[in-house]
Amino acid sequence: MKQKIAVLGPGSWGTALAQVLAENGHDVSMWGHNPAQIDEINTYHTNRHYLPNIKIPESIVGYKELKAAIAGVDAILFVVPTKAIRSVAQEVTKHIAGNPYIIHASKGLEQGTHKRISEVLTEEIPEDKRKEIVVLSGPSHAEEVAVHDITTITAASEVEEAAKYVQDLFMNDYFRIYTNHDVIGVETGAALKNIIAIGAGAIAGLGFGDDAKAAIMTRGLAEISRLGVAMGADPLTFIGLSGVGDLIVTCTSVHSRNWRAGNLLGKGKNLDEVLDNMGMIVEGVATTKAAMELAESLNVDMPITATIYSVLYEGKDIQQAARDIMLRDGKVENEFSQK
């Protein structure tokens, strides 16, 4: 059934998801705060800064006014940076009409509160103005989805009907969606894998090879799982698409902003230089701080996260940080509760 969907955030991932929806026959509007970008989408049907060489469907209409973009929609898809989720949700609440589904495909934890994105959306958009909230997450690069590479991700909601609704919206022959009820696990895996990807990029930048890559990914997954379970997640989620799947794709690809940022750090650049060079949001930097604070409050040991935090926020030499984490006391691997 044809649906009317508003996509908030015309970055690379928002544009790729809008393309999937339009190609599936849905009526898609896109909203963004950059007027020139919206003009480009409407005039040339491109978004060159984020997805160069990609022609997006002409049926996608860009809007500069949020109220117009969400008028009469069946669902609203948030794909804005984590730091903007609350403010954009507040604006949506002012103008929302009807009871649309709320979907988000952003990955991070809110600074200060350490809240997951669905928690922020729940706080800001009253129940009487929406249907259920659904998380869309998993191993995916916008650059690959845009050229129809095969991709599989997860739609997570506590209400099965809502997850299936999103599954039906997006499913096609190159974009496959699985449903999941573990919202906490899916959001936690999505946010925390960006931290480990910074570490994986740093290892590559320092000149280490595949052994080190395997080590940081495997032990990084253990950290993600420990914190996620402490937050109430199902541990099985972390061996699925939004856990190990998303971790693999983010830790091994040059498409990953977080991997690229870590790679530059490993090559000796400082954080300010790295962020200036990227030109896009690197969610893992802010998430490292939020996760470190959250882990301390929950008494969860996260040595890789702590090491990356020391480099990003305390100015620790990255080569010394790599040596120090290797010289930690010996641990038992296969006990889940082991720190």
C-alpha atoms as a PDB file:
ATOM      1  CA  MET A   1       0.000   0.000   0.000  1.00  0.00           C
ATOM      2  CA  LYS A   2       1.333   3.416  -0.987  1.00  0.00           C
ATOM      3  CA  GLN A   3       2.293   5.515   2.028  1.00  0.00           C
ATOM      4  CA  LYS A   4       3.294   9.145   2.507  1.00  0.00           C
ATOM      5  CA  ILE A   5       6.617   9.393   4.323  1.00  0.00           C
ATOM      6  CA  ALA A   6       8.597  12.405   5.530  1.00  0.00           C
ATOM      7  CA  VAL A   7      12.364  11.917   5.784  1.00  0.00           C
ATOM      8  CA  LEU A   8      13.989  14.406   8.155  1.00  0.00           C
ATOM      9  CA  GLY A   9      17.688  14.829   7.413  1.00  0.00           C
ATOM     10  CA  PRO A  10      18.971  14.774   3.810  1.00  0.00           C
ATOM     11  CA  GLY A  11      22.440  13.467   4.617  1.00  0.00           C
ATOM     12  CA  SER A  12      23.841  10.378   2.930  1.00  0.00           C
ATOM     13  CA  TRP A  13      21.788   7.860   4.913  1.00  0.00           C
ATOM     14  CA  GLY A  14      18.590   9.910   4.827  1.00  0.00           C
ATOM     15  CA  THR A  15      18.924  10.301   1.066  1.00  0.00           C
ATOM     16  CA  ALA A  16      19.580   6.599   0.507  1.00  0.00           C
ATOM     17  CA  LEU A  17      16.566   5.610   2.626  1.00  0.00           C
ATOM     18  CA  ALA A  18      14.382   8.147   0.835  1.00  0.00           C
ATOM     19  CA  GLN A  19      15.499   6.587  -2.450  1.00  0.00           C
ATOM     20  CA  VAL A  20      14.497   3.110  -1.255  1.00  0.00           C
ATOM     21  CA  LEU A  21      11.066   4.371  -0.202  1.00  0.00           C
ATOM     22  CA  ALA A  22      10.495   6.224  -3.480  1.00  0.00           C
ATOM     23  CA  GLU A  23      11.578   3.228  -5.553  1.00  0.00           C
ATOM     24  CA  ASN A  24       9.087   1.134  -3.569  1.00  0.00           C
ATOM     25  CA  GLY A  25       6.324   3.447  -4.781  1.00  0.00           C
ATOM     26  CA  HIS A  26       5.817   5.611  -1.699  1.00  0.00           C
ATOM     27  CA  ASP A  27       5.237   9.365  -1.662  1.00  0.00           C
ATOM     28  CA  VAL A  28       8.416  10.813  -0.118  1.00  0.00           C
ATOM     29  CA  SER A  29       9.180  14.296   1.191  1.00  0.00           C
ATOM     30  CA  MET A  30      12.577  15.354   2.535  1.00  0.00           C
ATOM     31  CA  TRP A  31      13.275  18.150   4.972  1.00  0.00           C
ATOM     32  CA  GLY A  32      16.603  19.785   5.707  1.00  0.00           C
ATOM     33  CA  HIS A  33      17.908  23.033   7.176  1.00  0.00           C
ATOM     34  CA  ASN A  34      20.183  23.895   4.223  1.00  0.00           C
ATOM     35  CA  PRO A  35      18.103  25.744   1.580  1.00  0.00           C
ATOM     36  CA  ALA A  36      20.725  25.270  -1.147  1.00  0.00           C
ATOM     37  CA  GLN A  37      20.712  21.519  -0.597  1.00  0.00           C
ATOM     38  CA  ILE A  38      16.912  21.366  -0.834  1.00  0.00           C
ATOM     39  CA  ASP A  39      17.025  23.421  -4.037  1.00  0.00           C
ATOM     40  CA  GLU A  40      19.564  20.982  -5.476  1.00  0.00           C
ATOM     41  CA  ILE A  41      17.361  18.004  -4.635  1.00  0.00           C
ATOM     42  CA  ASN A  42      14.319  19.587  -6.294  1.00  0.00           C
ATOM     43  CA  THR A  43      16.097  21.057  -9.322  1.00  0.00           C
ATOM     44  CA  TYR A  44      18.801  18.546 -10.198  1.00  0.00           C
ATOM     45  CA  HIS A  45      17.660  15.454  -8.227  1.00  0.00           C
ATOM     46  CA  THR A  46      21.120  15.065  -6.773  1.00  0.00           C
ATOM     47  CA  ASN A  47      22.770  15.442  -3.358  1.00  0.00           C
ATOM     48  CA  ARG A  48      26.372  15.775  -4.461  1.00  0.00           C
ATOM     49  CA  HIS A  49      27.964  16.605  -1.113  1.00  0.00           C
ATOM     50  CA  TYR A  50      26.743  13.359   0.442  1.00  0.00           C
ATOM     51  CA  LEU A  51      26.179  10.987  -2.478  1.00  0.00           C
ATOM     52  CA  PRO A  52      28.159  12.167  -5.502  1.00  0.00           C
ATOM     53  CA  ASN A  53      27.299  10.613  -8.884  1.00  0.00           C
ATOM     54  CA  ILE A  54      23.898   9.391  -7.618  1.00  0.00           C
ATOM     55  CA  LYS A  55      20.680  10.507  -9.299  1.00  0.00           C
ATOM     56  CA  ILE A  56      17.794  10.336  -6.827  1.00  0.00           C
ATOM     57  CA  PRO A  57      14.183   9.702  -7.913  1.00  0.00           C
ATOM     58  CA  GLU A  58      12.443  12.782  -9.270  1.00  0.00           C
ATOM     59  CA  SER A  59       9.375  11.901  -7.193  1.00  0.00           C
ATOM     60  CA  ILE A  60      11.220  12.885  -3.986  1.00  0.00           C
ATOM     61  CA  VAL A  61      10.293  16.447  -3.030  1.00  0.00           C
ATOM     62  CA  GLY A  62      12.492  18.556  -0.776  1.00  0.00           C
ATOM     63  CA  TYR A  63      11.028  21.008   1.739  1.00  0.00           C
ATOM     64  CA  LYS A  64      12.598  23.909   3.587  1.00  0.00           C
ATOM     65  CA  GLU A  65       9.683  24.166   6.035  1.00  0.00           C
ATOM     66  CA  LEU A  66       9.189  21.300   8.465  1.00  0.00           C
ATOM     67  CA  LYS A  67       5.449  21.882   8.781  1.00  0.00           C
ATOM     68  CA  ALA A  68       4.949  21.415   5.041  1.00  0.00           C
ATOM     69  CA  ALA A  69       7.196  18.341   4.910  1.00  0.00           C
ATOM     70  CA  ILE A  70       5.222  16.419   7.546  1.00  0.00           C
ATOM     71  CA  ALA A  71       1.711  17.485   6.536  1.00  0.00           C
ATOM     72  CA  GLY A  72      -0.580  14.481   6.218  1.00  0.00           C
ATOM     73  CA  VAL A  73       2.146  11.861   6.413  1.00  0.00           C
ATOM     74  CA  ASP A  74       1.709   8.240   7.490  1.00  0.00           C
ATOM     75  CA  ALA A  75       5.216   8.051   8.952  1.00  0.00           C
ATOM     76  CA  ILE A  76       8.076  10.350   9.890  1.00  0.00           C
ATOM     77  CA  LEU A  77      11.638   9.056   9.521  1.00  0.00           C
ATOM     78  CA  PHE A  78      14.289  10.824  11.627  1.00  0.00           C
ATOM     79  CA  VAL A  79      17.778  10.646  10.103  1.00  0.00           C
ATOM     80  CA  VAL A  80      19.324  13.700  11.757  1.00  0.00           C
ATOM     81  CA  PRO A  81      22.452  13.666  13.952  1.00  0.00           C
ATOM     82  CA  THR A  82      21.896  12.498  17.521  1.00  0.00           C
ATOM     83  CA  LYS A  83      22.572  15.959  18.934  1.00  0.00           C
ATOM     84  CA  ALA A  84      19.667  17.351  16.872  1.00  0.00           C
ATOM     85  CA  ILE A  85      17.080  14.659  17.652  1.00  0.00           C
ATOM     86  CA  ARG A  86      15.480  16.394  20.642  1.00  0.00           C
ATOM     87  CA  SER A  87      15.210  19.844  19.053  1.00  0.00           C
ATOM     88  CA  VAL A  88      13.827  18.472  15.784  1.00  0.00           C
ATOM     89  CA  ALA A  89      11.336  16.280  17.691  1.00  0.00           C
ATOM     90  CA  GLN A  90      10.154  19.365  19.579  1.00  0.00           C
ATOM     91  CA  GLU A  91       9.535  21.159  16.286  1.00  0.00           C
ATOM     92  CA  VAL A  92       7.735  18.120  14.869  1.00  0.00           C
ATOM     93  CA  THR A  93       5.418  18.084  17.881  1.00  0.00           C
ATOM     94  CA  LYS A  94       4.393  21.675  17.192  1.00  0.00           C
ATOM     95  CA  HIS A  95       3.242  20.852  13.664  1.00  0.00           C
ATOM     96  CA  ILE A  96       2.300  17.177  13.663  1.00  0.00           C
ATOM     97  CA  ALA A  97      -1.197  16.182  12.555  1.00  0.00           C
ATOM     98  CA  GLY A  98      -2.802  12.763  12.738  1.00  0.00           C
ATOM     99  CA  ASN A  99      -0.984   9.782  14.228  1.00  0.00           C
ATOM    100  CA  PRO A 100       2.025   8.903  12.102  1.00  0.00           C
ATOM    101  CA  TYR A 101       4.478   6.149  12.897  1.00  0.00           C
ATOM    102  CA  ILE A 102       7.785   7.536  14.161  1.00  0.00           C
ATOM    103  CA  ILE A 103      10.862   5.818  12.730  1.00  0.00           C
ATOM    104  CA  HIS A 104      14.474   6.687  13.392  1.00  0.00           C
ATOM    105  CA  ALA A 105      17.659   5.579  11.668  1.00  0.00           C
ATOM    106  CA  SER A 106      20.158   7.635  13.685  1.00  0.00           C
ATOM    107  CA  LYS A 107      22.879   6.029  15.806  1.00  0.00           C
ATOM    108  CA  GLY A 108      24.069   7.476  19.079  1.00  0.00           C
ATOM    109  CA  LEU A 109      23.397   8.360  22.711  1.00  0.00           C
ATOM    110  CA  GLU A 110      22.275  11.804  23.835  1.00  0.00           C
ATOM    111  CA  GLN A 111      24.999  13.791  25.560  1.00  0.00           C
ATOM    112  CA  GLY A 112      24.406  14.482  29.234  1.00  0.00           C
ATOM    113  CA  THR A 113      21.329  12.275  29.647  1.00  0.00           C
ATOM    114  CA  HIS A 114      22.913   9.177  27.977  1.00  0.00           C
ATOM    115  CA  LYS A 115      19.448   8.358  26.650  1.00  0.00           C
ATOM    116  CA  ARG A 116      18.791   6.256  23.600  1.00  0.00           C
ATOM    117  CA  ILE A 117      17.178   8.037  20.654  1.00  0.00           C
ATOM    118  CA  SER A 118      13.827   6.279  21.035  1.00  0.00           C
ATOM    119  CA  GLU A 119      13.712   7.474  24.644  1.00  0.00           C
ATOM    120  CA  VAL A 120      14.229  11.067  23.515  1.00  0.00           C
ATOM    121  CA  LEU A 121      11.509  10.722  20.873  1.00  0.00           C
ATOM    122  CA  THR A 122       9.137   9.209  23.430  1.00  0.00           C
ATOM    123  CA  GLU A 123       9.703  12.163  25.740  1.00  0.00           C
ATOM    124  CA  GLU A 124       9.212  14.810  23.070  1.00  0.00           C
ATOM    125  CA  ILE A 125       6.384  13.438  20.899  1.00  0.00           C
ATOM    126  CA  PRO A 126       3.243  12.700  22.978  1.00  0.00           C
ATOM    127  CA  GLU A 127       1.470   9.374  22.527  1.00  0.00           C
ATOM    128  CA  ASP A 128      -1.672  11.065  21.275  1.00  0.00           C
ATOM    129  CA  LYS A 129       0.274  12.560  18.361  1.00  0.00           C
ATOM    130  CA  ARG A 130       1.898   9.393  17.060  1.00  0.00           C
ATOM    131  CA  LYS A 131       1.719   5.654  16.660  1.00  0.00           C
ATOM    132  CA  GLU A 132       4.603   3.440  17.785  1.00  0.00           C
ATOM    133  CA  ILE A 133       8.309   4.279  17.561  1.00  0.00           C
ATOM    134  CA  VAL A 134      10.455   1.980  15.412  1.00  0.00           C
ATOM    135  CA  VAL A 135      14.256   1.784  15.182  1.00  0.00           C
ATOM    136  CA  LEU A 136      15.788   1.068  11.770  1.00  0.00           C
ATOM    137  CA  SER A 137      19.383  -0.102  12.096  1.00  0.00           C
ATOM    138  CA  GLY A 138      21.965  -2.585  10.922  1.00  0.00           C
ATOM    139  CA  PRO A 139      25.030  -3.106   8.717  1.00  0.00           C
ATOM    140  CA  SER A 140      24.607  -0.590   5.925  1.00  0.00           C
ATOM    141  CA  HIS A 141      26.470   2.081   4.006  1.00  0.00           C
ATOM    142  CA  ALA A 142      24.450   4.737   2.208  1.00  0.00           C
ATOM    143  CA  GLU A 143      26.931   4.634  -0.683  1.00  0.00           C
ATOM    144  CA  GLU A 144      26.151   0.948  -1.258  1.00  0.00           C
ATOM    145  CA  VAL A 145      22.389   1.107  -0.724  1.00  0.00           C
ATOM    146  CA  ALA A 146      22.214   3.959  -3.239  1.00  0.00           C
ATOM    147  CA  VAL A 147      23.648   1.699  -5.967  1.00  0.00           C
ATOM    148  CA  HIS A 148      21.437  -1.254  -4.968  1.00  0.00           C
ATOM    149  CA  ASP A 149      24.054  -3.410  -3.272  1.00  0.00           C
ATOM    150  CA  ILE A 150      22.392  -6.174  -1.245  1.00  0.00           C
ATOM    151  CA  THR A 151      21.755  -4.943   2.308  1.00  0.00           C
ATOM    152  CA  THR A 152      19.981  -6.452   5.322  1.00  0.00           C
ATOM    153  CA  ILE A 153      19.036  -4.480   8.434  1.00  0.00           C
ATOM    154  CA  THR A 154      16.614  -4.579  11.370  1.00  0.00           C
ATOM    155  CA  ALA A 155      13.346  -2.833  12.233  1.00  0.00           C
ATOM    156  CA  ALA A 156      12.925  -2.945  16.013  1.00  0.00           C
ATOM    157  CA  SER A 157       9.856  -2.087  18.051  1.00  0.00           C
ATOM    158  CA  GLU A 158       8.242  -3.363  21.209  1.00  0.00           C
ATOM    159  CA  VAL A 159       5.051  -3.688  19.124  1.00  0.00           C
ATOM    160  CA  GLU A 160       5.383  -6.344  16.413  1.00  0.00           C
ATOM    161  CA  GLU A 161       2.802  -4.717  14.150  1.00  0.00           C
ATOM    162  CA  ALA A 162       4.846  -1.510  14.021  1.00  0.00           C
ATOM    163  CA  ALA A 163       8.067  -3.354  13.167  1.00  0.00           C
ATOM    164  CA  LYS A 164       6.247  -5.229  10.380  1.00  0.00           C
ATOM    165  CA  TYR A 165       4.866  -1.945   9.046  1.00  0.00           C
ATOM    166  CA  VAL A 166       8.404  -0.624   8.610  1.00  0.00           C
ATOM    167  CA  GLN A 167       9.527  -3.950   7.182  1.00  0.00           C
ATOM    168  CA  ASP A 168       6.838  -3.669   4.510  1.00  0.00           C
ATOM    169  CA  LEU A 169       7.748  -0.054   3.724  1.00  0.00           C
ATOM    170  CA  PHE A 170      11.371  -0.812   2.886  1.00  0.00           C
ATOM    171  CA  MET A 171      11.596  -4.418   1.677  1.00  0.00           C
ATOM    172  CA  ASN A 172      12.614  -5.010  -1.932  1.00  0.00           C
ATOM    173  CA  ASP A 173      15.012  -7.148  -3.941  1.00  0.00           C
ATOM    174  CA  TYR A 174      18.157  -5.394  -2.674  1.00  0.00           C
ATOM    175  CA  PHE A 175      17.050  -4.099   0.732  1.00  0.00           C
ATOM    176  CA  ARG A 176      15.879  -6.746   3.205  1.00  0.00           C
ATOM    177  CA  ILE A 177      14.459  -5.987   6.661  1.00  0.00           C
ATOM    178  CA  TYR A 178      14.199  -8.321   9.653  1.00  0.00           C
ATOM    179  CA  THR A 179      11.994  -7.469  12.634  1.00  0.00           C
ATOM    180  CA  ASN A 180      13.146  -7.467  16.259  1.00  0.00           C
ATOM    181  CA  HIS A 181      11.486  -6.613  19.578  1.00  0.00           C
ATOM    182  CA  ASP A 182      14.686  -5.678  21.428  1.00  0.00           C
ATOM    183  CA  VAL A 183      14.775  -1.907  20.989  1.00  0.00           C
ATOM    184  CA  ILE A 184      17.403  -1.450  23.713  1.00  0.00           C
ATOM    185  CA  GLY A 185      19.792  -3.942  22.141  1.00  0.00           C
ATOM    186  CA  VAL A 186      19.375  -2.644  18.603  1.00  0.00           C
ATOM    187  CA  GLU A 187      19.930   0.985  19.621  1.00  0.00           C
ATOM    188  CA  THR A 188      22.846   0.129  21.907  1.00  0.00           C
ATOM    189  CA  GLY A 189      24.603  -1.908  19.243  1.00  0.00           C
ATOM    190  CA  ALA A 190      24.047   0.853  16.689  1.00  0.00           C
ATOM    191  CA  ALA A 191      25.537   3.529  18.927  1.00  0.00           C
ATOM    192  CA  LEU A 192      28.466   1.702  20.491  1.00  0.00           C
ATOM    193  CA  LYS A 193      29.865   0.095  17.349  1.00  0.00           C
ATOM    194  CA  ASN A 194      30.935   3.571  16.226  1.00  0.00           C
ATOM    195  CA  ILE A 195      33.339   3.736  19.173  1.00  0.00           C
ATOM    196  CA  ILE A 196      34.961   0.435  18.243  1.00  0.00           C
ATOM    197  CA  ALA A 197      35.169   1.560  14.610  1.00  0.00           C
ATOM    198  CA  ILE A 198      37.267   4.552  15.674  1.00  0.00           C
ATOM    199  CA  GLY A 199      39.592   2.089  17.402  1.00  0.00           C
ATOM    200  CA  ALA A 200      39.705  -0.193  14.363  1.00  0.00           C
ATOM    201  CA  GLY A 201      40.596   2.741  12.141  1.00  0.00           C
ATOM    202  CA  ALA A 202      43.279   3.848  14.579  1.00  0.00           C
ATOM    203  CA  ILE A 203      44.825   0.380  14.561  1.00  0.00           C
ATOM    204  CA  ALA A 204      45.017   0.484  10.769  1.00  0.00           C
ATOM    205  CA  GLY A 205      46.480   3.997  10.901  1.00  0.00           C
ATOM    206  CA  LEU A 206      49.150   2.802  13.330  1.00  0.00           C
ATOM    207  CA  GLY A 207      50.137   0.114  10.831  1.00  0.00           C
ATOM    208  CA  PHE A 208      48.802  -2.983  12.585  1.00  0.00           C
ATOM    209  CA  GLY A 209      47.254  -5.801  10.565  1.00  0.00           C
ATOM    210  CA  ASP A 210      44.414  -8.283  10.505  1.00  0.00           C
ATOM    211  CA  ASP A 211      45.235  -9.910  13.848  1.00  0.00           C
ATOM    212  CA  ALA A 212      44.789  -6.604  15.636  1.00  0.00           C
ATOM    213  CA  LYS A 213      41.616  -5.873  13.652  1.00  0.00           C
ATOM    214  CA  ALA A 214      40.094  -9.176  14.731  1.00  0.00           C
ATOM    215  CA  ALA A 215      41.094  -8.541  18.337  1.00  0.00           C
ATOM    216  CA  ILE A 216      39.501  -5.120  18.641  1.00  0.00           C
ATOM    217  CA  MET A 217      36.300  -6.198  16.899  1.00  0.00           C
ATOM    218  CA  THR A 218      35.864  -9.315  19.034  1.00  0.00           C
ATOM    219  CA  ARG A 219      36.699  -7.688  22.337  1.00  0.00           C
ATOM    220  CA  GLY A 220      34.748  -4.607  21.293  1.00  0.00           C
ATOM    221  CA  LEU A 221      31.675  -6.769  20.811  1.00  0.00           C
ATOM    222  CA  ALA A 222      32.171  -8.116  24.339  1.00  0.00           C
ATOM    223  CA  GLU A 223      32.139  -4.549  25.691  1.00  0.00           C
ATOM    224  CA  ILE A 224      29.064  -3.598  23.688  1.00  0.00           C
ATOM    225  CA  SER A 225      27.258  -6.686  24.957  1.00  0.00           C
ATOM    226  CA  ARG A 226      28.187  -6.060  28.592  1.00  0.00           C
ATOM    227  CA  LEU A 227      26.904  -2.505  28.580  1.00  0.00           C
ATOM    228  CA  GLY A 228      23.837  -3.409  26.535  1.00  0.00           C
ATOM    229  CA  VAL A 229      22.815  -6.194  28.892  1.00  0.00           C
ATOM    230  CA  ALA A 230      23.348  -3.881  31.874  1.00  0.00           C
ATOM    231  CA  MET A 231      20.885  -1.517  30.176  1.00  0.00           C
ATOM    232  CA  GLY A 232      18.326  -4.299  29.735  1.00  0.00           C
ATOM    233  CA  ALA A 233      19.103  -5.671  26.275  1.00  0.00           C
ATOM    234  CA  ASP A 234      18.791  -9.282  25.124  1.00  0.00           C
ATOM    235  CA  PRO A 235      22.371 -10.611  24.726  1.00  0.00           C
ATOM    236  CA  LEU A 236      21.348 -12.522  21.573  1.00  0.00           C
ATOM    237  CA  THR A 237      20.756  -9.216  19.785  1.00  0.00           C
ATOM    238  CA  PHE A 238      24.492  -8.583  19.744  1.00  0.00           C
ATOM    239  CA  ILE A 239      25.196 -11.632  17.580  1.00  0.00           C
ATOM    240  CA  GLY A 240      22.667 -10.377  15.029  1.00  0.00           C
ATOM    241  CA  LEU A 241      22.555  -7.724  12.332  1.00  0.00           C
ATOM    242  CA  SER A 242      22.526  -4.704  14.635  1.00  0.00           C
ATOM    243  CA  GLY A 243      25.305  -6.167  16.780  1.00  0.00           C
ATOM    244  CA  VAL A 244      28.133  -8.071  15.136  1.00  0.00           C
ATOM    245  CA  GLY A 245      26.774  -7.304  11.652  1.00  0.00           C
ATOM    246  CA  ASP A 246      26.906  -3.544  12.088  1.00  0.00           C
ATOM    247  CA  LEU A 247      30.238  -3.841  13.895  1.00  0.00           C
ATOM    248  CA  ILE A 248      31.836  -5.703  10.982  1.00  0.00           C
ATOM    249  CA  VAL A 249      30.713  -3.260   8.317  1.00  0.00           C
ATOM    250  CA  THR A 250      31.676  -0.182  10.344  1.00  0.00           C
ATOM    251  CA  CYS A 251      35.092  -1.496  11.406  1.00  0.00           C
ATOM    252  CA  THR A 252      36.243  -2.700   7.988  1.00  0.00           C
ATOM    253  CA  SER A 253      35.159  -0.147   5.411  1.00  0.00           C
ATOM    254  CA  VAL A 254      36.523   3.171   4.154  1.00  0.00           C
ATOM    255  CA  HIS A 255      32.865   4.231   3.786  1.00  0.00           C
ATOM    256  CA  SER A 256      32.712   4.431   7.597  1.00  0.00           C
ATOM    257  CA  ARG A 257      33.277   7.972   8.882  1.00  0.00           C
ATOM    258  CA  ASN A 258      34.215   6.586  12.286  1.00  0.00           C
ATOM    259  CA  TRP A 259      36.826   4.235  10.799  1.00  0.00           C
ATOM    260  CA  ARG A 260      38.244   7.063   8.692  1.00  0.00           C
ATOM    261  CA  ALA A 261      38.406   9.349  11.723  1.00  0.00           C
ATOM    262  CA  GLY A 262      40.257   6.694  13.724  1.00  0.00           C
ATOM    263  CA  ASN A 263      42.598   6.048  10.810  1.00  0.00           C
ATOM    264  CA  LEU A 264      43.603   9.715  10.731  1.00  0.00           C
ATOM    265  CA  LEU A 265      44.153   9.677  14.490  1.00  0.00           C
ATOM    266  CA  GLY A 266      46.388   6.635  14.102  1.00  0.00           C
ATOM    267  CA  LYS A 267      48.405   8.496  11.483  1.00  0.00           C
ATOM    268  CA  GLY A 268      49.136  11.284  13.941  1.00  0.00           C
ATOM    269  CA  LYS A 269      46.401  13.852  13.319  1.00  0.00           C
ATOM    270  CA  ASN A 270      44.809  15.520  16.339  1.00  0.00           C
ATOM    271  CA  LEU A 271      41.058  15.380  16.905  1.00  0.00           C
ATOM    272  CA  ASP A 272      40.342  18.910  15.660  1.00  0.00           C
ATOM    273  CA  GLU A 273      42.224  18.228  12.435  1.00  0.00           C
ATOM    274  CA  VAL A 274      40.342  14.974  11.975  1.00  0.00           C
ATOM    275  CA  LEU A 275      36.895  16.505  12.431  1.00  0.00           C
ATOM    276  CA  ASP A 276      37.746  19.399  10.106  1.00  0.00           C
ATOM    277  CA  ASN A 277      38.941  16.921   7.495  1.00  0.00           C
ATOM    278  CA  MET A 278      35.790  14.775   7.675  1.00  0.00           C
ATOM    279  CA  GLY A 279      33.271  17.509   6.898  1.00  0.00           C
ATOM    280  CA  MET A 280      30.478  15.342   8.332  1.00  0.00           C
ATOM    281  CA  ILE A 281      29.311  14.290  11.795  1.00  0.00           C
ATOM    282  CA  VAL A 282      31.441  11.529  13.351  1.00  0.00           C
ATOM    283  CA  GLU A 283      28.935  10.102  15.834  1.00  0.00           C
ATOM    284  CA  GLY A 284      31.462   7.875  17.576  1.00  0.00           C
ATOM    285  CA  VAL A 285      33.333  10.822  19.085  1.00  0.00           C
ATOM    286  CA  ALA A 286      30.383  12.089  21.118  1.00  0.00           C
ATOM    287  CA  THR A 287      29.167   8.539  21.779  1.00  0.00           C
ATOM    288  CA  THR A 288      32.518   7.647  23.368  1.00  0.00           C
ATOM    289  CA  LYS A 289      31.970  10.304  26.029  1.00  0.00           C
ATOM    290  CA  ALA A 290      28.352   9.297  26.677  1.00  0.00           C
ATOM    291  CA  ALA A 291      29.211   5.590  26.814  1.00  0.00           C
ATOM    292  CA  MET A 292      32.120   6.175  29.189  1.00  0.00           C
ATOM    293  CA  GLU A 293      29.911   8.101  31.591  1.00  0.00           C
ATOM    294  CA  LEU A 294      27.133   5.525  31.286  1.00  0.00           C
ATOM    295  CA  ALA A 295      29.518   2.612  31.875  1.00  0.00           C
ATOM    296  CA  GLU A 296      30.852   4.281  35.024  1.00  0.00           C
ATOM    297  CA  SER A 297      27.333   4.841  36.346  1.00  0.00           C
ATOM    298  CA  LEU A 298      26.428   1.184  35.717  1.00  0.00           C
ATOM    299  CA  ASN A 299      29.798  -0.165  36.939  1.00  0.00           C
ATOM    300  CA  VAL A 300      30.556  -1.826  33.594  1.00  0.00           C
ATOM    301  CA  ASP A 301      34.210  -2.183  32.613  1.00  0.00           C
ATOM    302  CA  MET A 302      34.889  -1.068  29.017  1.00  0.00           C
ATOM    303  CA  PRO A 303      38.670  -0.964  28.505  1.00  0.00           C
ATOM    304  CA  ILE A 304      38.625  -0.314  24.750  1.00  0.00           C
ATOM    305  CA  THR A 305      36.122   2.499  25.152  1.00  0.00           C
ATOM    306  CA  ALA A 306      38.175   3.921  28.018  1.00  0.00           C
ATOM    307  CA  THR A 307      41.319   3.806  25.889  1.00  0.00           C
ATOM    308  CA  ILE A 308      39.634   5.610  22.996  1.00  0.00           C
ATOM    309  CA  TYR A 309      38.216   8.140  25.457  1.00  0.00           C
ATOM    310  CA  SER A 310      41.703   8.830  26.800  1.00  0.00           C
ATOM    311  CA  VAL A 311      42.928   9.601  23.283  1.00  0.00           C
ATOM    312  CA  LEU A 312      39.930  11.720  22.241  1.00  0.00           C
ATOM    313  CA  TYR A 313      39.323  13.656  25.444  1.00  0.00           C
ATOM    314  CA  GLU A 314      42.507  13.461  27.521  1.00  0.00           C
ATOM    315  CA  GLY A 315      45.131  13.859  24.818  1.00  0.00           C
ATOM    316  CA  LYS A 316      46.851  10.548  25.458  1.00  0.00           C
ATOM    317  CA  ASP A 317      49.419   9.481  22.890  1.00  0.00           C
ATOM    318  CA  ILE A 318      47.721   6.903  20.683  1.00  0.00           C
ATOM    319  CA  GLN A 319      50.731   4.584  20.428  1.00  0.00           C
ATOM    320  CA  GLN A 320      51.114   4.562  24.203  1.00  0.00           C
ATOM    321  CA  ALA A 321      47.388   3.896  24.557  1.00  0.00           C
ATOM    322  CA  ALA A 322      47.692   0.844  22.302  1.00  0.00           C
ATOM    323  CA  ARG A 323      50.593  -0.503  24.367  1.00  0.00           C
ATOM    324  CA  ASP A 324      48.844   0.098  27.681  1.00  0.00           C
ATOM    325  CA  ILE A 325      45.672  -1.779  26.784  1.00  0.00           C
ATOM    326  CA  MET A 326      47.725  -4.795  25.715  1.00  0.00           C
ATOM    327  CA  LEU A 327      49.493  -4.838  29.083  1.00  0.00           C
ATOM    328  CA  ARG A 328      46.318  -4.996  31.187  1.00  0.00           C
ATOM    329  CA  ASP A 329      46.011  -7.877  33.637  1.00  0.00           C
ATOM    330  CA  GLY A 330      45.056 -11.187  32.065  1.00  0.00           C
ATOM    331  CA  LYS A 331      41.349 -12.024  31.879  1.00  0.00           C
ATOM    332  CA  VAL A 332      39.063 -14.997  31.229  1.00  0.00           C
ATOM    333  CA  GLU A 333      37.492 -14.752  27.782  1.00  0.00           C
ATOM    334  CA  ASN A 334      34.394 -16.922  27.813  1.00  0.00           C
ATOM    335  CA  GLU A 335      32.551 -15.793  30.935  1.00  0.00           C
ATOM    336  CA  PHE A 336      29.992 -13.178  29.947  1.00  0.00           C
ATOM    337  CA  SER A 337      30.138 -11.378  33.264  1.00  0.00           C
ATOM    338  CA  GLN A 338      33.933 -11.266  33.276  1.00  0.00           C
ATOM    339  CA  LYS A 339      35.411  -7.777  33.215  1.00  0.00           C
END
